[in-house]
C-alpha atoms as a PDB file:
ATOM      1  CA  MET A   1     111.061 203.995 -12.949  1.00  0.00           C
ATOM      2  CA  THR A   2     114.474 202.764 -14.091  1.00  0.00           C
ATOM      3  CA  PHE A   3     116.287 203.843 -17.227  1.00  0.00           C
ATOM      4  CA  LEU A   4     115.718 200.437 -18.893  1.00  0.00           C
ATOM      5  CA  ALA A   5     112.004 200.608 -18.123  1.00  0.00           C
ATOM      6  CA  LEU A   6     111.871 204.049 -19.694  1.00  0.00           C
ATOM      7  CA  LEU A   7     113.598 202.749 -22.842  1.00  0.00           C
ATOM      8  CA  ARG A   8     111.211 199.795 -23.135  1.00  0.00           C
ATOM      9  CA  ASN A   9     108.226 202.130 -22.974  1.00  0.00           C
ATOM     10  CA  ALA A  10     109.759 204.880 -25.136  1.00  0.00           C
ATOM     11  CA  ASP A  11     107.958 205.998 -28.236  1.00  0.00           C
ATOM     12  CA  PRO A  12     109.998 204.837 -31.314  1.00  0.00           C
ATOM     13  CA  LYS A  13     108.584 207.774 -33.340  1.00  0.00           C
ATOM     14  CA  ARG A  14     110.036 210.228 -30.847  1.00  0.00           C
ATOM     15  CA  PHE A  15     113.436 208.541 -30.161  1.00  0.00           C
ATOM     16  CA  GLY A  16     114.096 206.716 -33.425  1.00  0.00           C
ATOM     17  CA  ALA A  17     114.814 203.065 -34.225  1.00  0.00           C
ATOM     18  CA  ALA A  18     117.496 202.774 -31.506  1.00  0.00           C
ATOM     19  CA  VAL A  19     114.834 202.304 -28.830  1.00  0.00           C
ATOM     20  CA  GLN A  20     112.750 199.692 -30.606  1.00  0.00           C
ATOM     21  CA  PRO A  21     111.396 197.134 -28.113  1.00  0.00           C
ATOM     22  CA  MET A  22     113.464 193.930 -28.057  1.00  0.00           C
ATOM     23  CA  ASN A  23     111.845 190.990 -29.804  1.00  0.00           C
ATOM     24  CA  ARG A  24     112.884 188.141 -27.530  1.00  0.00           C
ATOM     25  CA  GLY A  25     110.801 185.611 -29.449  1.00  0.00           C
ATOM     26  CA  ARG A  26     113.137 185.560 -32.429  1.00  0.00           C
ATOM     27  CA  TRP A  27     116.035 184.318 -30.238  1.00  0.00           C
ATOM     28  CA  VAL A  28     114.160 181.292 -28.843  1.00  0.00           C
ATOM     29  CA  PRO A  29     114.958 178.949 -31.780  1.00  0.00           C
ATOM     30  CA  PHE A  30     118.682 179.708 -31.431  1.00  0.00           C
ATOM     31  CA  GLY A  31     118.562 178.886 -27.721  1.00  0.00           C
ATOM     32  CA  VAL A  32     116.725 175.629 -28.370  1.00  0.00           C
ATOM     33  CA  ILE A  33     119.233 174.620 -31.061  1.00  0.00           C
ATOM     34  CA  ALA A  34     122.197 175.434 -28.784  1.00  0.00           C
ATOM     35  CA  LEU A  35     120.666 173.399 -25.949  1.00  0.00           C
ATOM     36  CA  LEU A  36     120.068 170.414 -28.252  1.00  0.00           C
ATOM     37  CA  MET A  37     123.654 170.565 -29.545  1.00  0.00           C
ATOM     38  CA  ILE A  38     125.008 170.537 -25.994  1.00  0.00           C
ATOM     39  CA  MET A  39     122.786 167.607 -25.029  1.00  0.00           C
ATOM     40  CA  LEU A  40     123.800 165.589 -28.108  1.00  0.00           C
ATOM     41  CA  THR A  41     127.482 166.287 -27.501  1.00  0.00           C
ATOM     42  CA  LEU A  42     127.255 165.138 -23.903  1.00  0.00           C
ATOM     43  CA  ALA A  43     125.287 162.036 -24.897  1.00  0.00           C
ATOM     44  CA  GLY A  44     127.907 161.170 -27.527  1.00  0.00           C
ATOM     45  CA  CYS A  45     130.734 161.508 -25.016  1.00  0.00           C
ATOM     46  CA  ALA A  46     128.987 159.287 -22.500  1.00  0.00           C
ATOM     47  CA  GLY A  47     128.295 156.625 -25.119  1.00  0.00           C
ATOM     48  CA  ALA A  48     131.893 156.476 -26.326  1.00  0.00           C
ATOM     49  CA  SER A  49     133.434 156.075 -22.893  1.00  0.00           C
ATOM     50  CA  SER A  50     130.977 153.459 -21.589  1.00  0.00           C
ATOM     51  CA  GLY A  51     131.874 150.942 -24.319  1.00  0.00           C
ATOM     52  CA  ASP A  52     135.604 151.406 -23.721  1.00  0.00           C
ATOM     53  CA  ALA A  53     135.319 150.944 -19.952  1.00  0.00           C
ATOM     54  CA  ASP A  54     134.595 147.217 -20.327  1.00  0.00           C
ATOM     55  CA  ALA A  55     137.504 146.517 -22.689  1.00  0.00           C
ATOM     56  CA  PRO A  56     140.424 144.412 -21.445  1.00  0.00           C
ATOM     57  CA  VAL A  57     143.656 146.397 -20.974  1.00  0.00           C
ATOM     58  CA  GLN A  58     147.124 145.568 -22.285  1.00  0.00           C
ATOM     59  CA  VAL A  59     150.064 147.549 -20.874  1.00  0.00           C
ATOM     60  CA  VAL A  60     153.276 147.584 -22.924  1.00  0.00           C
ATOM     61  CA  GLN A  61     156.564 149.134 -21.822  1.00  0.00           C
ATOM     62  CA  VAL A  62     158.352 150.865 -24.687  1.00  0.00           C
ATOM     63  CA  GLU A  63     161.826 152.395 -24.567  1.00  0.00           C
ATOM     64  CA  ALA A  64     162.945 155.255 -26.786  1.00  0.00           C
ATOM     65  CA  ALA A  65     166.694 155.422 -27.463  1.00  0.00           C
ATOM     66  CA  ASN A  66     169.195 155.603 -30.335  1.00  0.00           C
ATOM     67  CA  MET A  67     166.472 156.652 -32.822  1.00  0.00           C
ATOM     68  CA  ARG A  68     164.480 153.460 -32.151  1.00  0.00           C
ATOM     69  CA  PHE A  69     161.472 152.292 -30.166  1.00  0.00           C
ATOM     70  CA  THR A  70     161.892 148.953 -28.421  1.00  0.00           C
ATOM     71  CA  PRO A  71     159.773 147.039 -29.135  1.00  0.00           C
ATOM     72  CA  ASP A  72     158.900 148.599 -32.476  1.00  0.00           C
ATOM     73  CA  VAL A  73     155.980 146.223 -33.136  1.00  0.00           C
ATOM     74  CA  ILE A  74     153.213 145.717 -30.576  1.00  0.00           C
ATOM     75  CA  GLU A  75     150.565 143.050 -31.160  1.00  0.00           C
ATOM     76  CA  VAL A  76     147.209 143.750 -29.503  1.00  0.00           C
ATOM     77  CA  PRO A  77     143.964 141.783 -29.830  1.00  0.00           C
ATOM     78  CA  VAL A  78     141.122 143.740 -31.442  1.00  0.00           C
ATOM     79  CA  GLY A  79     138.843 145.192 -28.769  1.00  0.00           C
ATOM     80  CA  THR A  80     141.657 145.620 -26.226  1.00  0.00           C
ATOM     81  CA  ARG A  81     142.634 148.990 -24.737  1.00  0.00           C
ATOM     82  CA  LEU A  82     146.371 149.640 -25.180  1.00  0.00           C
ATOM     83  CA  LEU A  83     148.392 151.611 -22.651  1.00  0.00           C
ATOM     84  CA  ILE A  84     151.969 152.408 -23.662  1.00  0.00           C
ATOM     85  CA  GLU A  85     154.403 153.203 -20.872  1.00  0.00           C
ATOM     86  CA  LEU A  86     157.044 155.156 -22.776  1.00  0.00           C
ATOM     87  CA  THR A  87     160.469 155.703 -21.179  1.00  0.00           C
ATOM     88  CA  ASN A  88     163.194 157.797 -22.786  1.00  0.00           C
ATOM     89  CA  THR A  89     166.360 155.797 -22.067  1.00  0.00           C
ATOM     90  CA  ASP A  90     168.503 157.870 -24.416  1.00  0.00           C
ATOM     91  CA  GLU A  91     171.464 159.622 -22.788  1.00  0.00           C
ATOM     92  CA  ARG A  92     170.959 163.048 -24.358  1.00  0.00           C
ATOM     93  CA  GLU A  93     168.103 163.170 -26.943  1.00  0.00           C
ATOM     94  CA  MET A  94     164.487 164.145 -26.254  1.00  0.00           C
ATOM     95  CA  HIS A  95     161.833 161.790 -27.638  1.00  0.00           C
ATOM     96  CA  ASP A  96     158.060 161.390 -27.754  1.00  0.00           C
ATOM     97  CA  ILE A  97     155.513 159.184 -29.474  1.00  0.00           C
ATOM     98  CA  GLU A  98     152.707 160.270 -31.768  1.00  0.00           C
ATOM     99  CA  LEU A  99     150.179 157.810 -33.137  1.00  0.00           C
ATOM    100  CA  ALA A 100     148.037 157.957 -36.278  1.00  0.00           C
ATOM    101  CA  ASN A 101     144.880 157.991 -34.109  1.00  0.00           C
ATOM    102  CA  SER A 102     145.974 161.401 -32.697  1.00  0.00           C
ATOM    103  CA  LYS A 103     147.133 160.038 -29.330  1.00  0.00           C
ATOM    104  CA  ALA A 104     150.549 161.289 -28.247  1.00  0.00           C
ATOM    105  CA  SER A 105     152.928 161.774 -25.366  1.00  0.00           C
ATOM    106  CA  SER A 106     154.653 164.964 -24.404  1.00  0.00           C
ATOM    107  CA  HIS A 107     158.328 165.499 -25.224  1.00  0.00           C
ATOM    108  CA  LEU A 108     160.346 163.426 -22.788  1.00  0.00           C
ATOM    109  CA  ALA A 109     163.801 164.383 -21.561  1.00  0.00           C
ATOM    110  CA  PRO A 110     166.309 161.563 -20.978  1.00  0.00           C
ATOM    111  CA  GLY A 111     165.132 159.422 -18.061  1.00  0.00           C
ATOM    112  CA  ASP A 112     161.510 160.665 -18.172  1.00  0.00           C
ATOM    113  CA  SER A 113     158.479 158.379 -18.585  1.00  0.00           C
ATOM    114  CA  GLU A 114     154.837 158.837 -19.521  1.00  0.00           C
ATOM    115  CA  LYS A 115     151.778 156.639 -20.020  1.00  0.00           C
ATOM    116  CA  VAL A 116     149.848 157.036 -23.273  1.00  0.00           C
ATOM    117  CA  ASP A 117     146.295 155.689 -23.488  1.00  0.00           C
ATOM    118  CA  VAL A 118     146.111 154.627 -27.132  1.00  0.00           C
ATOM    119  CA  GLY A 119     142.464 153.581 -26.762  1.00  0.00           C
ATOM    120  CA  VAL A 120     140.640 150.442 -27.834  1.00  0.00           C
ATOM    121  CA  ILE A 121     142.399 148.838 -30.787  1.00  0.00           C
ATOM    122  CA  THR A 122     140.234 148.172 -33.842  1.00  0.00           C
ATOM    123  CA  ASP A 123     142.866 148.312 -36.598  1.00  0.00           C
ATOM    124  CA  ASP A 124     146.635 148.648 -37.132  1.00  0.00           C
ATOM    125  CA  ILE A 125     148.085 151.997 -36.005  1.00  0.00           C
ATOM    126  CA  ASP A 126     151.380 153.609 -37.017  1.00  0.00           C
ATOM    127  CA  GLY A 127     153.420 155.564 -34.494  1.00  0.00           C
ATOM    128  CA  TRP A 128     156.549 157.728 -34.674  1.00  0.00           C
ATOM    129  CA  CYS A 129     158.707 160.198 -32.804  1.00  0.00           C
ATOM    130  CA  SER A 130     157.583 163.669 -33.848  1.00  0.00           C
ATOM    131  CA  ILE A 131     160.754 165.462 -32.790  1.00  0.00           C
ATOM    132  CA  SER A 132     162.826 167.022 -35.533  1.00  0.00           C
ATOM    133  CA  ASN A 133     164.019 164.429 -38.058  1.00  0.00           C
ATOM    134  CA  HIS A 134     163.578 161.361 -35.810  1.00  0.00           C
ATOM    135  CA  ARG A 135     160.792 159.769 -37.881  1.00  0.00           C
ATOM    136  CA  ALA A 136     162.846 160.064 -41.066  1.00  0.00           C
ATOM    137  CA  MET A 137     165.741 158.413 -39.233  1.00  0.00           C
ATOM    138  CA  GLY A 138     163.576 155.330 -38.597  1.00  0.00           C
ATOM    139  CA  MET A 139     162.083 156.059 -35.175  1.00  0.00           C
ATOM    140  CA  THR A 140     158.739 154.386 -35.893  1.00  0.00           C
ATOM    141  CA  LEU A 141     156.474 151.863 -34.225  1.00  0.00           C
ATOM    142  CA  THR A 142     153.513 149.783 -35.401  1.00  0.00           C
ATOM    143  CA  VAL A 143     150.557 148.548 -33.359  1.00  0.00           C
ATOM    144  CA  VAL A 144     149.263 145.390 -35.052  1.00  0.00           C
ATOM    145  CA  ALA A 145     145.628 144.518 -34.404  1.00  0.00           C
ATOM    146  CA  THR A 146     145.418 140.739 -34.085  1.00  0.00           C
ATOM    147  CA  GLY A 147     142.225 138.827 -34.721  1.00  0.00           C
ATOM    148  CA  ALA A 148     140.925 141.528 -37.062  1.00  0.00           C
ATOM    149  CA  LYS A 149     138.353 140.646 -39.699  1.00  0.00           C
ATOM    150  CA  SER A 150     139.874 140.216 -43.156  1.00  0.00           C
ATOM    151  CA  ASP A 151     138.485 142.423 -45.926  1.00  0.00           C
END
């Protein structure tokens, strides 16, 4: 007989409360809830990506230099996925882009490029360079959703 088998069959009066038999039944509801949460999370992820897969794609090349994005206004039809190809053409400054929908690039050294999947456009989105004081110096960009319903 193993040690664990001995503990399971031990007399609680003789060995105290530390050897009480484990009540596995009380943990079942927690397991069921955890499993349901995982299933719902996975179902939600699958649903979000399937609708976006059919959206038309618009690719826009944006340059970051001299505390400006060029272009600094991007018009995109509602329902279109926007991909920004950001290139840092500045000679010495690092730049990036951060958007109000939480999409962002990494910090780019001069000459570096990166693609940012902004997602399917449903409304106007503000963007800016998050490095140091760049936003305050005017390094901003606006994505304008065209064809949007008026309020």
